[in-house]
N, C-alpha and C. Protein backbone atom coordinates (compact mmCIF):
# COMPACT_ATOMS: atom_id res chain seq x y z
N UNK A 1 -23.21 9.89 9.82
CA UNK A 1 -22.22 8.81 9.93
C UNK A 1 -21.23 9.17 11.02
N UNK A 2 -21.08 8.29 12.01
CA UNK A 2 -20.24 8.61 13.16
C UNK A 2 -18.79 8.19 12.96
N UNK A 3 -18.54 7.19 12.12
CA UNK A 3 -17.18 6.68 11.93
C UNK A 3 -16.77 6.81 10.46
N UNK A 4 -15.48 7.05 10.20
CA UNK A 4 -15.03 6.95 8.81
C UNK A 4 -15.28 5.54 8.30
N UNK A 5 -15.60 5.45 7.04
CA UNK A 5 -15.95 4.17 6.43
C UNK A 5 -15.00 3.92 5.27
N UNK A 6 -14.39 2.73 5.26
CA UNK A 6 -13.46 2.35 4.20
C UNK A 6 -14.07 1.25 3.37
N UNK A 7 -14.17 1.48 2.07
CA UNK A 7 -14.55 0.45 1.12
C UNK A 7 -13.26 -0.15 0.58
N UNK A 8 -13.00 -1.41 0.90
CA UNK A 8 -11.73 -1.98 0.52
C UNK A 8 -11.77 -3.49 0.41
N UNK A 9 -10.75 -4.05 -0.22
CA UNK A 9 -10.55 -5.50 -0.33
C UNK A 9 -9.36 -5.86 0.55
N UNK A 10 -9.59 -6.68 1.55
CA UNK A 10 -8.60 -6.88 2.60
C UNK A 10 -7.25 -7.36 2.09
N UNK A 11 -7.24 -8.19 1.03
CA UNK A 11 -5.98 -8.73 0.54
C UNK A 11 -5.21 -7.78 -0.37
N UNK A 12 -5.81 -6.64 -0.70
CA UNK A 12 -5.15 -5.64 -1.54
C UNK A 12 -4.15 -4.85 -0.71
N UNK A 13 -2.93 -4.72 -1.22
CA UNK A 13 -1.93 -3.92 -0.52
C UNK A 13 -2.33 -2.46 -0.42
N UNK A 14 -2.94 -1.92 -1.46
CA UNK A 14 -3.36 -0.52 -1.41
C UNK A 14 -4.42 -0.29 -0.34
N UNK A 15 -5.33 -1.24 -0.17
CA UNK A 15 -6.33 -1.13 0.88
C UNK A 15 -5.71 -1.36 2.26
N UNK A 16 -4.77 -2.28 2.31
CA UNK A 16 -4.08 -2.59 3.57
C UNK A 16 -3.37 -1.37 4.13
N UNK A 17 -2.79 -0.54 3.26
CA UNK A 17 -2.14 0.70 3.73
C UNK A 17 -3.08 1.49 4.64
N UNK A 18 -4.32 1.64 4.18
CA UNK A 18 -5.30 2.46 4.92
C UNK A 18 -5.66 1.78 6.23
N UNK A 19 -5.88 0.47 6.19
CA UNK A 19 -6.20 -0.26 7.42
C UNK A 19 -5.06 -0.16 8.43
N UNK A 20 -3.81 -0.33 7.95
CA UNK A 20 -2.67 -0.28 8.87
C UNK A 20 -2.57 1.08 9.54
N UNK A 21 -2.71 2.15 8.77
CA UNK A 21 -2.63 3.47 9.38
C UNK A 21 -3.76 3.69 10.37
N UNK A 22 -4.98 3.31 10.02
CA UNK A 22 -6.10 3.49 10.95
C UNK A 22 -5.86 2.73 12.25
N UNK A 23 -5.34 1.51 12.15
CA UNK A 23 -5.04 0.73 13.36
C UNK A 23 -3.95 1.39 14.18
N UNK A 24 -2.93 1.92 13.50
CA UNK A 24 -1.83 2.54 14.24
C UNK A 24 -2.21 3.90 14.81
N UNK A 25 -3.17 4.55 14.19
CA UNK A 25 -3.72 5.78 14.76
C UNK A 25 -4.67 5.49 15.92
N UNK A 26 -5.09 4.22 16.02
CA UNK A 26 -6.11 3.83 17.00
C UNK A 26 -7.40 4.65 16.79
N UNK A 27 -7.75 4.80 15.52
CA UNK A 27 -8.93 5.56 15.13
C UNK A 27 -10.04 4.59 14.76
N UNK A 28 -11.18 4.63 15.45
CA UNK A 28 -12.28 3.73 15.09
C UNK A 28 -12.76 3.98 13.66
N UNK A 29 -13.13 2.91 12.98
CA UNK A 29 -13.58 3.03 11.60
C UNK A 29 -14.47 1.85 11.26
N UNK A 30 -15.18 1.97 10.16
CA UNK A 30 -16.01 0.88 9.64
C UNK A 30 -15.39 0.39 8.34
N UNK A 31 -15.24 -0.91 8.21
CA UNK A 31 -14.66 -1.50 7.01
C UNK A 31 -15.77 -2.20 6.22
N UNK A 32 -15.92 -1.83 4.95
CA UNK A 32 -16.88 -2.47 4.07
C UNK A 32 -16.09 -3.29 3.06
N UNK A 33 -16.16 -4.61 3.19
CA UNK A 33 -15.39 -5.49 2.31
C UNK A 33 -15.98 -5.49 0.90
N UNK A 34 -15.12 -5.23 -0.07
CA UNK A 34 -15.50 -5.17 -1.48
C UNK A 34 -14.65 -6.17 -2.25
N UNK A 35 -15.29 -7.12 -2.93
CA UNK A 35 -14.57 -8.07 -3.77
C UNK A 35 -14.57 -7.53 -5.20
N UNK A 36 -13.46 -6.96 -5.61
CA UNK A 36 -13.42 -6.31 -6.92
C UNK A 36 -13.59 -7.32 -8.05
N UNK A 37 -13.38 -8.61 -7.78
CA UNK A 37 -13.51 -9.63 -8.82
C UNK A 37 -14.95 -9.80 -9.28
N UNK A 38 -15.90 -9.34 -8.48
CA UNK A 38 -17.32 -9.47 -8.83
C UNK A 38 -17.80 -8.38 -9.77
N UNK A 39 -16.97 -7.35 -9.99
CA UNK A 39 -17.38 -6.24 -10.84
C UNK A 39 -18.19 -5.18 -10.13
N UNK A 40 -18.32 -5.29 -8.81
CA UNK A 40 -19.18 -4.36 -8.08
C UNK A 40 -18.67 -2.92 -8.15
N UNK A 41 -17.36 -2.75 -8.28
CA UNK A 41 -16.83 -1.38 -8.32
C UNK A 41 -17.10 -0.68 -9.65
N UNK A 42 -17.60 -1.43 -10.65
CA UNK A 42 -17.94 -0.82 -11.93
C UNK A 42 -19.43 -0.53 -12.04
N UNK A 43 -20.17 -0.82 -10.99
CA UNK A 43 -21.60 -0.57 -11.00
C UNK A 43 -21.89 0.87 -10.57
N UNK A 44 -23.06 1.36 -10.99
CA UNK A 44 -23.39 2.78 -10.81
C UNK A 44 -23.32 3.21 -9.35
N UNK A 45 -23.79 2.38 -8.44
CA UNK A 45 -23.81 2.78 -7.03
C UNK A 45 -22.40 3.05 -6.51
N UNK A 46 -21.45 2.19 -6.88
CA UNK A 46 -20.09 2.42 -6.42
C UNK A 46 -19.44 3.57 -7.16
N UNK A 47 -19.71 3.71 -8.44
CA UNK A 47 -19.12 4.78 -9.23
C UNK A 47 -19.55 6.16 -8.74
N UNK A 48 -20.66 6.24 -8.03
CA UNK A 48 -21.05 7.50 -7.40
C UNK A 48 -20.10 7.85 -6.26
N UNK A 49 -19.52 6.85 -5.65
CA UNK A 49 -18.56 7.08 -4.56
C UNK A 49 -17.17 7.38 -5.13
N UNK A 50 -16.78 6.63 -6.14
CA UNK A 50 -15.45 6.78 -6.76
C UNK A 50 -15.61 6.57 -8.26
N UNK A 51 -15.63 7.64 -9.04
CA UNK A 51 -15.84 7.50 -10.49
C UNK A 51 -14.80 6.64 -11.18
N UNK A 52 -13.63 6.43 -10.53
CA UNK A 52 -12.60 5.58 -11.11
C UNK A 52 -12.85 4.10 -10.85
N UNK A 53 -13.83 3.80 -10.01
CA UNK A 53 -14.23 2.42 -9.79
C UNK A 53 -13.18 1.55 -9.14
N UNK A 54 -12.49 2.12 -8.13
CA UNK A 54 -11.42 1.35 -7.48
C UNK A 54 -11.52 1.45 -5.96
N UNK A 55 -10.83 0.53 -5.33
CA UNK A 55 -10.68 0.57 -3.87
C UNK A 55 -9.19 0.75 -3.58
N UNK A 56 -8.88 1.36 -2.41
CA UNK A 56 -9.78 1.81 -1.36
C UNK A 56 -10.46 3.12 -1.71
N UNK A 57 -11.63 3.28 -1.11
CA UNK A 57 -12.33 4.55 -1.14
C UNK A 57 -12.74 4.86 0.29
N UNK A 58 -12.46 6.07 0.74
CA UNK A 58 -12.77 6.50 2.11
C UNK A 58 -13.99 7.40 2.10
N UNK A 59 -14.98 7.06 2.89
CA UNK A 59 -16.11 7.97 3.14
C UNK A 59 -15.82 8.66 4.47
N UNK A 60 -15.33 9.89 4.41
CA UNK A 60 -14.87 10.57 5.61
C UNK A 60 -15.97 11.38 6.28
N UNK A 61 -16.99 11.73 5.54
CA UNK A 61 -18.23 12.29 6.07
C UNK A 61 -19.36 11.68 5.26
N UNK A 62 -20.56 11.71 5.76
CA UNK A 62 -21.67 11.09 5.05
C UNK A 62 -21.79 11.68 3.64
N UNK A 63 -21.60 10.83 2.64
CA UNK A 63 -21.71 11.27 1.26
C UNK A 63 -20.50 11.98 0.71
N UNK A 64 -19.38 12.05 1.47
CA UNK A 64 -18.16 12.71 1.04
C UNK A 64 -17.05 11.67 0.95
N UNK A 65 -16.43 11.55 -0.22
CA UNK A 65 -15.53 10.44 -0.48
C UNK A 65 -14.15 10.93 -0.92
N UNK A 66 -13.15 10.10 -0.63
CA UNK A 66 -11.78 10.36 -1.04
C UNK A 66 -11.20 9.06 -1.59
N UNK A 67 -10.59 9.14 -2.77
CA UNK A 67 -10.00 7.97 -3.41
C UNK A 67 -8.48 8.09 -3.45
N UNK A 68 -7.83 7.05 -3.93
CA UNK A 68 -6.38 6.92 -4.06
C UNK A 68 -5.74 6.69 -2.68
N UNK A 69 -5.12 5.52 -2.55
CA UNK A 69 -4.64 5.08 -1.23
C UNK A 69 -3.70 6.07 -0.58
N UNK A 70 -2.76 6.63 -1.32
CA UNK A 70 -1.78 7.51 -0.70
C UNK A 70 -2.38 8.86 -0.33
N UNK A 71 -3.36 9.33 -1.10
CA UNK A 71 -4.07 10.55 -0.71
C UNK A 71 -4.85 10.32 0.58
N UNK A 72 -5.43 9.14 0.72
CA UNK A 72 -6.15 8.80 1.94
C UNK A 72 -5.19 8.77 3.12
N UNK A 73 -4.00 8.21 2.92
CA UNK A 73 -3.01 8.18 4.00
C UNK A 73 -2.67 9.59 4.48
N UNK A 74 -2.44 10.51 3.55
CA UNK A 74 -2.09 11.88 3.93
C UNK A 74 -3.24 12.53 4.68
N UNK A 75 -4.45 12.34 4.20
CA UNK A 75 -5.62 12.92 4.87
C UNK A 75 -5.74 12.41 6.31
N UNK A 76 -5.63 11.09 6.48
CA UNK A 76 -5.79 10.51 7.81
C UNK A 76 -4.65 10.86 8.75
N UNK A 77 -3.44 11.00 8.19
CA UNK A 77 -2.25 11.22 9.03
C UNK A 77 -2.06 12.67 9.45
N UNK A 78 -2.77 13.59 8.81
CA UNK A 78 -2.60 15.01 9.12
C UNK A 78 -2.71 15.26 10.63
N UNK A 79 -1.69 15.94 11.18
CA UNK A 79 -1.69 16.27 12.60
C UNK A 79 -1.21 15.16 13.51
N UNK A 80 -0.81 14.01 12.93
CA UNK A 80 -0.34 12.90 13.74
C UNK A 80 1.17 12.72 13.56
N UNK A 81 1.75 11.80 14.32
CA UNK A 81 3.19 11.54 14.22
C UNK A 81 3.56 10.85 12.91
N UNK A 82 2.56 10.38 12.17
CA UNK A 82 2.83 9.68 10.92
C UNK A 82 2.99 10.63 9.73
N UNK A 83 2.73 11.92 9.94
CA UNK A 83 2.89 12.93 8.90
C UNK A 83 3.95 13.91 9.39
N UNK A 84 5.12 13.98 8.74
CA UNK A 84 6.22 14.79 9.27
C UNK A 84 5.82 16.23 9.57
N UNK A 85 6.39 16.75 10.65
CA UNK A 85 6.03 18.10 11.10
C UNK A 85 6.71 19.18 10.27
N UNK A 86 7.85 18.87 9.66
CA UNK A 86 8.62 19.89 8.95
C UNK A 86 8.40 19.80 7.45
N UNK A 87 8.57 20.92 6.81
CA UNK A 87 8.31 21.04 5.37
C UNK A 87 9.10 20.03 4.54
N UNK A 88 10.40 19.92 4.80
CA UNK A 88 11.22 18.99 4.03
C UNK A 88 10.78 17.56 4.28
N UNK A 89 10.48 17.22 5.51
CA UNK A 89 10.03 15.86 5.82
C UNK A 89 8.75 15.51 5.08
N UNK A 90 7.82 16.46 5.00
CA UNK A 90 6.59 16.21 4.26
C UNK A 90 6.88 16.00 2.77
N UNK A 91 7.78 16.83 2.23
CA UNK A 91 8.14 16.67 0.82
C UNK A 91 8.82 15.33 0.58
N UNK A 92 9.67 14.90 1.51
CA UNK A 92 10.32 13.59 1.38
C UNK A 92 9.29 12.46 1.42
N UNK A 93 8.31 12.59 2.31
CA UNK A 93 7.26 11.57 2.37
C UNK A 93 6.52 11.49 1.04
N UNK A 94 6.17 12.63 0.49
CA UNK A 94 5.47 12.63 -0.80
C UNK A 94 6.36 12.09 -1.91
N UNK A 95 7.64 12.43 -1.87
CA UNK A 95 8.58 11.91 -2.87
C UNK A 95 8.53 10.39 -2.93
N UNK A 96 8.59 9.74 -1.77
CA UNK A 96 8.60 8.29 -1.73
C UNK A 96 7.22 7.71 -2.03
N UNK A 97 6.17 8.42 -1.69
CA UNK A 97 4.83 7.94 -2.00
C UNK A 97 4.56 8.02 -3.51
N UNK A 98 5.09 9.06 -4.17
CA UNK A 98 4.99 9.13 -5.63
C UNK A 98 5.83 8.01 -6.26
N UNK A 99 7.01 7.78 -5.72
CA UNK A 99 7.86 6.69 -6.19
C UNK A 99 7.12 5.35 -6.08
N UNK A 100 6.45 5.15 -4.96
CA UNK A 100 5.74 3.89 -4.73
C UNK A 100 4.68 3.67 -5.80
N UNK A 101 3.94 4.69 -6.14
CA UNK A 101 2.85 4.54 -7.10
C UNK A 101 3.34 4.47 -8.55
N UNK A 102 4.46 5.08 -8.85
CA UNK A 102 4.92 5.15 -10.24
C UNK A 102 5.98 4.11 -10.57
N UNK A 103 6.91 3.85 -9.66
CA UNK A 103 8.08 3.01 -9.95
C UNK A 103 8.10 1.69 -9.20
N UNK A 104 7.16 1.46 -8.30
CA UNK A 104 7.20 0.31 -7.41
C UNK A 104 5.93 -0.53 -7.55
N UNK A 105 4.81 0.02 -7.19
CA UNK A 105 3.54 -0.71 -7.17
C UNK A 105 3.15 -1.29 -8.52
N UNK A 106 3.34 -0.58 -9.65
CA UNK A 106 2.93 -1.14 -10.94
C UNK A 106 3.66 -2.43 -11.31
N UNK A 107 4.76 -2.70 -10.67
CA UNK A 107 5.56 -3.89 -11.00
C UNK A 107 5.46 -4.95 -9.90
N UNK A 108 5.71 -4.56 -8.67
CA UNK A 108 5.72 -5.54 -7.58
C UNK A 108 4.31 -6.00 -7.26
N UNK A 109 3.36 -5.09 -7.21
CA UNK A 109 1.99 -5.47 -6.91
C UNK A 109 1.37 -6.28 -8.04
N UNK A 110 1.64 -5.89 -9.28
CA UNK A 110 1.06 -6.61 -10.41
C UNK A 110 1.65 -8.01 -10.52
N UNK A 111 2.96 -8.16 -10.27
CA UNK A 111 3.56 -9.49 -10.26
C UNK A 111 2.94 -10.36 -9.17
N UNK A 112 2.68 -9.78 -8.01
CA UNK A 112 2.02 -10.53 -6.92
C UNK A 112 0.64 -11.00 -7.36
N UNK A 113 -0.11 -10.13 -8.01
CA UNK A 113 -1.45 -10.50 -8.47
C UNK A 113 -1.39 -11.63 -9.49
N UNK A 114 -0.48 -11.53 -10.45
CA UNK A 114 -0.39 -12.55 -11.49
C UNK A 114 0.00 -13.90 -10.89
N UNK A 115 0.99 -13.89 -10.01
CA UNK A 115 1.47 -15.14 -9.42
C UNK A 115 0.48 -15.73 -8.42
N UNK A 116 -0.22 -14.86 -7.69
CA UNK A 116 -1.04 -15.34 -6.59
C UNK A 116 -2.51 -15.47 -6.87
N UNK A 117 -3.01 -14.78 -7.89
CA UNK A 117 -4.46 -14.76 -8.10
C UNK A 117 -4.89 -15.32 -9.45
N UNK A 118 -3.96 -15.59 -10.35
CA UNK A 118 -4.31 -16.09 -11.68
C UNK A 118 -3.84 -17.53 -11.84
N UNK A 119 -4.49 -18.30 -12.69
CA UNK A 119 -4.08 -19.70 -12.90
C UNK A 119 -2.65 -19.80 -13.43
N UNK A 120 -1.97 -20.92 -13.16
CA UNK A 120 -0.56 -21.05 -13.57
C UNK A 120 -0.31 -20.88 -15.06
N UNK A 121 -1.28 -21.24 -15.90
CA UNK A 121 -1.09 -21.15 -17.35
C UNK A 121 -1.66 -19.88 -17.94
N UNK A 122 -2.02 -18.92 -17.10
CA UNK A 122 -2.65 -17.69 -17.61
C UNK A 122 -1.67 -16.93 -18.51
N UNK A 123 -2.22 -16.34 -19.56
CA UNK A 123 -1.36 -15.65 -20.54
C UNK A 123 -0.61 -14.47 -19.94
N UNK A 124 -1.09 -13.90 -18.85
CA UNK A 124 -0.43 -12.74 -18.27
C UNK A 124 0.90 -13.10 -17.61
N UNK A 125 1.17 -14.38 -17.45
CA UNK A 125 2.48 -14.76 -16.90
C UNK A 125 3.62 -14.35 -17.81
N UNK A 126 3.32 -14.09 -19.05
CA UNK A 126 4.37 -13.62 -19.97
C UNK A 126 4.87 -12.23 -19.58
N UNK A 127 4.11 -11.52 -18.75
CA UNK A 127 4.51 -10.19 -18.30
C UNK A 127 5.56 -10.23 -17.19
N UNK A 128 5.71 -11.38 -16.55
CA UNK A 128 6.52 -11.44 -15.33
C UNK A 128 7.98 -11.04 -15.51
N UNK A 129 8.67 -11.45 -16.56
CA UNK A 129 10.08 -11.02 -16.68
C UNK A 129 10.25 -9.51 -16.65
N UNK A 130 9.41 -8.77 -17.37
CA UNK A 130 9.52 -7.31 -17.38
C UNK A 130 9.13 -6.74 -16.02
N UNK A 131 8.06 -7.26 -15.42
CA UNK A 131 7.63 -6.77 -14.11
C UNK A 131 8.72 -6.99 -13.07
N UNK A 132 9.36 -8.15 -13.10
CA UNK A 132 10.39 -8.44 -12.10
C UNK A 132 11.64 -7.61 -12.35
N UNK A 133 11.97 -7.37 -13.61
CA UNK A 133 13.11 -6.49 -13.90
C UNK A 133 12.89 -5.10 -13.29
N UNK A 134 11.72 -4.53 -13.54
CA UNK A 134 11.45 -3.18 -13.04
C UNK A 134 11.24 -3.17 -11.52
N UNK A 135 10.64 -4.23 -11.01
CA UNK A 135 10.47 -4.33 -9.57
C UNK A 135 11.79 -4.41 -8.83
N UNK A 136 12.73 -5.18 -9.38
CA UNK A 136 14.06 -5.26 -8.77
C UNK A 136 14.77 -3.91 -8.82
N UNK A 137 14.54 -3.14 -9.86
CA UNK A 137 15.11 -1.80 -9.92
C UNK A 137 14.58 -0.94 -8.77
N UNK A 138 13.28 -1.04 -8.50
CA UNK A 138 12.69 -0.27 -7.40
C UNK A 138 13.25 -0.72 -6.06
N UNK A 139 13.37 -2.02 -5.86
CA UNK A 139 13.93 -2.52 -4.60
C UNK A 139 15.37 -2.09 -4.42
N UNK A 140 16.13 -1.99 -5.51
CA UNK A 140 17.51 -1.53 -5.41
C UNK A 140 17.58 -0.07 -4.99
N UNK A 141 16.65 0.75 -5.47
CA UNK A 141 16.59 2.16 -5.04
C UNK A 141 16.32 2.22 -3.54
N UNK A 142 15.39 1.43 -3.07
CA UNK A 142 15.07 1.40 -1.64
C UNK A 142 16.26 0.92 -0.83
N UNK A 143 16.95 -0.11 -1.33
CA UNK A 143 18.11 -0.65 -0.62
C UNK A 143 19.19 0.42 -0.43
N UNK A 144 19.44 1.19 -1.48
CA UNK A 144 20.46 2.25 -1.37
C UNK A 144 20.06 3.27 -0.32
N UNK A 145 18.81 3.67 -0.32
CA UNK A 145 18.36 4.66 0.67
C UNK A 145 18.47 4.09 2.09
N UNK A 146 17.99 2.86 2.26
CA UNK A 146 17.95 2.27 3.60
C UNK A 146 19.32 1.83 4.10
N UNK A 147 20.31 1.84 3.22
CA UNK A 147 21.67 1.60 3.68
C UNK A 147 22.19 2.70 4.58
N UNK A 148 21.56 3.87 4.50
CA UNK A 148 22.01 5.02 5.29
C UNK A 148 20.91 5.63 6.15
N UNK A 149 19.70 5.08 6.10
CA UNK A 149 18.57 5.66 6.83
C UNK A 149 17.68 4.56 7.38
N UNK A 150 17.06 4.82 8.52
CA UNK A 150 16.18 3.82 9.13
C UNK A 150 14.79 3.82 8.49
N UNK A 151 14.35 5.00 8.06
CA UNK A 151 13.02 5.14 7.48
C UNK A 151 13.10 6.02 6.24
N UNK A 152 11.96 6.33 5.63
CA UNK A 152 11.98 6.99 4.33
C UNK A 152 11.78 8.49 4.37
N UNK A 153 11.28 9.05 5.43
CA UNK A 153 11.07 10.50 5.50
C UNK A 153 11.60 10.99 6.83
N UNK A 154 12.75 11.63 6.83
CA UNK A 154 13.34 12.09 8.07
C UNK A 154 13.80 10.91 8.91
N UNK A 155 13.72 11.07 10.21
CA UNK A 155 14.25 10.06 11.13
C UNK A 155 13.20 9.10 11.65
N UNK A 156 11.93 9.35 11.35
CA UNK A 156 10.88 8.57 11.98
C UNK A 156 9.98 7.83 11.00
N UNK A 157 9.29 6.86 11.53
CA UNK A 157 8.29 6.08 10.80
C UNK A 157 7.14 6.99 10.38
N UNK A 158 6.71 6.86 9.12
CA UNK A 158 5.68 7.76 8.60
C UNK A 158 4.83 7.05 7.57
N UNK A 159 3.90 7.80 6.98
CA UNK A 159 3.05 7.25 5.93
C UNK A 159 3.87 6.80 4.72
N UNK A 160 5.05 7.37 4.53
CA UNK A 160 5.91 6.91 3.43
C UNK A 160 6.31 5.45 3.64
N UNK A 161 6.60 5.08 4.87
CA UNK A 161 6.95 3.70 5.18
C UNK A 161 5.74 2.79 5.02
N UNK A 162 4.57 3.24 5.46
CA UNK A 162 3.36 2.45 5.29
C UNK A 162 3.09 2.20 3.82
N UNK A 163 3.20 3.26 3.00
CA UNK A 163 2.94 3.13 1.57
C UNK A 163 3.87 2.11 0.92
N UNK A 164 5.14 2.15 1.26
CA UNK A 164 6.11 1.25 0.64
C UNK A 164 6.10 -0.16 1.24
N UNK A 165 5.78 -0.26 2.51
CA UNK A 165 5.77 -1.56 3.16
C UNK A 165 4.73 -2.49 2.56
N UNK A 166 3.56 -1.96 2.22
CA UNK A 166 2.41 -2.78 1.87
C UNK A 166 2.75 -3.86 0.84
N UNK A 167 3.36 -3.47 -0.26
CA UNK A 167 3.69 -4.46 -1.28
C UNK A 167 5.14 -4.95 -1.20
N UNK A 168 6.03 -4.18 -0.58
CA UNK A 168 7.42 -4.64 -0.48
C UNK A 168 7.53 -5.92 0.33
N UNK A 169 6.89 -5.96 1.48
CA UNK A 169 7.07 -7.13 2.35
C UNK A 169 6.45 -8.37 1.72
N UNK A 170 5.50 -8.19 0.78
CA UNK A 170 4.84 -9.30 0.11
C UNK A 170 5.43 -9.55 -1.27
N UNK A 171 6.59 -8.96 -1.56
CA UNK A 171 7.17 -9.09 -2.90
C UNK A 171 7.48 -10.54 -3.26
N UNK A 172 7.76 -11.36 -2.26
CA UNK A 172 8.01 -12.77 -2.54
C UNK A 172 6.84 -13.46 -3.22
N UNK A 173 5.63 -12.97 -2.97
CA UNK A 173 4.45 -13.54 -3.62
C UNK A 173 4.51 -13.36 -5.13
N UNK A 174 5.29 -12.37 -5.58
CA UNK A 174 5.42 -12.11 -7.01
C UNK A 174 6.72 -12.63 -7.58
N UNK A 175 7.43 -13.46 -6.82
CA UNK A 175 8.65 -14.07 -7.32
C UNK A 175 9.92 -13.30 -7.05
N UNK A 176 9.85 -12.26 -6.22
CA UNK A 176 11.04 -11.47 -5.92
C UNK A 176 11.79 -12.08 -4.74
N UNK A 177 13.10 -12.05 -4.81
CA UNK A 177 13.95 -12.60 -3.75
C UNK A 177 14.46 -11.46 -2.87
N UNK A 178 13.84 -11.29 -1.71
CA UNK A 178 14.23 -10.21 -0.81
C UNK A 178 15.53 -10.51 -0.08
N UNK A 179 16.05 -11.72 -0.18
CA UNK A 179 17.34 -12.01 0.44
C UNK A 179 18.44 -11.17 -0.19
N UNK A 180 18.22 -10.66 -1.36
CA UNK A 180 19.20 -9.82 -2.04
C UNK A 180 19.27 -8.41 -1.46
N UNK A 181 18.35 -8.08 -0.53
CA UNK A 181 18.23 -6.70 -0.06
C UNK A 181 18.20 -6.67 1.48
N UNK A 182 19.37 -6.81 2.11
CA UNK A 182 19.39 -6.89 3.58
C UNK A 182 18.89 -5.63 4.27
N UNK A 183 19.15 -4.45 3.71
CA UNK A 183 18.66 -3.22 4.34
C UNK A 183 17.15 -3.13 4.25
N UNK A 184 16.59 -3.58 3.15
CA UNK A 184 15.14 -3.61 3.02
C UNK A 184 14.54 -4.58 4.02
N UNK A 185 15.13 -5.75 4.19
CA UNK A 185 14.61 -6.73 5.14
C UNK A 185 14.69 -6.21 6.58
N UNK A 186 15.75 -5.50 6.92
CA UNK A 186 15.85 -4.92 8.26
C UNK A 186 14.78 -3.85 8.47
N UNK A 187 14.52 -3.07 7.44
CA UNK A 187 13.47 -2.06 7.52
C UNK A 187 12.10 -2.71 7.68
N UNK A 188 11.84 -3.80 6.96
CA UNK A 188 10.57 -4.52 7.12
C UNK A 188 10.38 -4.93 8.58
N UNK A 189 11.43 -5.41 9.21
CA UNK A 189 11.34 -5.79 10.62
C UNK A 189 11.05 -4.59 11.49
N UNK A 190 11.63 -3.42 11.17
CA UNK A 190 11.34 -2.21 11.95
C UNK A 190 9.87 -1.81 11.81
N UNK A 191 9.35 -1.91 10.60
CA UNK A 191 7.93 -1.58 10.40
C UNK A 191 7.06 -2.53 11.22
N UNK A 192 7.36 -3.80 11.16
CA UNK A 192 6.54 -4.79 11.86
C UNK A 192 6.62 -4.68 13.37
N UNK A 193 7.63 -3.98 13.86
CA UNK A 193 7.77 -3.80 15.31
C UNK A 193 7.05 -2.55 15.82
N UNK A 194 6.44 -1.79 14.91
CA UNK A 194 5.76 -0.56 15.33
C UNK A 194 4.50 -0.89 16.13
N UNK A 195 4.12 -0.02 17.09
CA UNK A 195 2.91 -0.27 17.88
C UNK A 195 1.67 -0.41 17.00
N UNK A 196 0.82 -1.35 17.41
CA UNK A 196 -0.48 -1.58 16.77
C UNK A 196 -0.36 -2.04 15.32
N UNK A 197 0.76 -2.68 15.00
CA UNK A 197 0.93 -3.23 13.67
C UNK A 197 -0.07 -4.37 13.44
N UNK A 198 -0.63 -4.43 12.22
CA UNK A 198 -1.48 -5.55 11.82
C UNK A 198 -0.97 -6.10 10.49
N UNK A 199 -1.05 -7.42 10.27
CA UNK A 199 -0.51 -7.98 9.04
C UNK A 199 -1.47 -7.87 7.86
N UNK A 200 -0.92 -8.04 6.66
CA UNK A 200 -1.70 -8.08 5.43
C UNK A 200 -2.29 -9.47 5.26
N UNK A 201 -3.62 -9.57 5.07
CA UNK A 201 -4.21 -10.90 4.81
C UNK A 201 -3.70 -11.46 3.48
N UNK A 202 -3.70 -12.78 3.32
CA UNK A 202 -3.23 -13.38 2.07
C UNK A 202 -4.20 -13.14 0.93
N UNK A 203 -3.71 -13.32 -0.29
CA UNK A 203 -4.59 -13.26 -1.45
C UNK A 203 -5.64 -14.34 -1.37
N UNK A 204 -6.83 -14.11 -1.92
CA UNK A 204 -7.87 -15.15 -1.91
C UNK A 204 -7.34 -16.43 -2.55
N UNK A 205 -7.56 -17.54 -1.86
CA UNK A 205 -7.11 -18.82 -2.39
C UNK A 205 -5.77 -19.26 -1.85
N UNK A 206 -5.03 -18.37 -1.17
CA UNK A 206 -3.72 -18.75 -0.61
C UNK A 206 -3.93 -19.71 0.57
């Protein structure tokens, strides 16, 4: 295999993180579109690649796979300007990437999915008040940080920003009002101004 291969769903924010970094690295890659709604990630062939049955999954060498979006970001960014050169900067990047997966994505991304991919009368809409409460808490943490800093790890744009940008900029799809967070909105504009930026495709059906 000559190119890294990404198994991903284009409208997924977690998959988009990997695509955005690859584009900004200007690293050639192969994208294999996977529609998780079909159940294909639960089939034996895919489970051999990722026993957790999720996307994104990176095939970095023939038959060698890496799962979890933020782990893939760290692997791809190693040795580049997107992975901080100093010890503290790397720890700060990981701090925010752990925050994204534990305190941010489970609320903002799930609210986006419920609002954008499920029917209006779906029973999961009852989850939205709690998801939005916790999502707003995460956005407030980001707002406080960005009130005094341009980016999330040291002074420069890094994988921490990519990890947080993916679902933050699309938070409106889940009913969040980003007008309440001017520092976050300014940071979103800084991310979008980075070289080789590519946008997140809409959810299916949008």
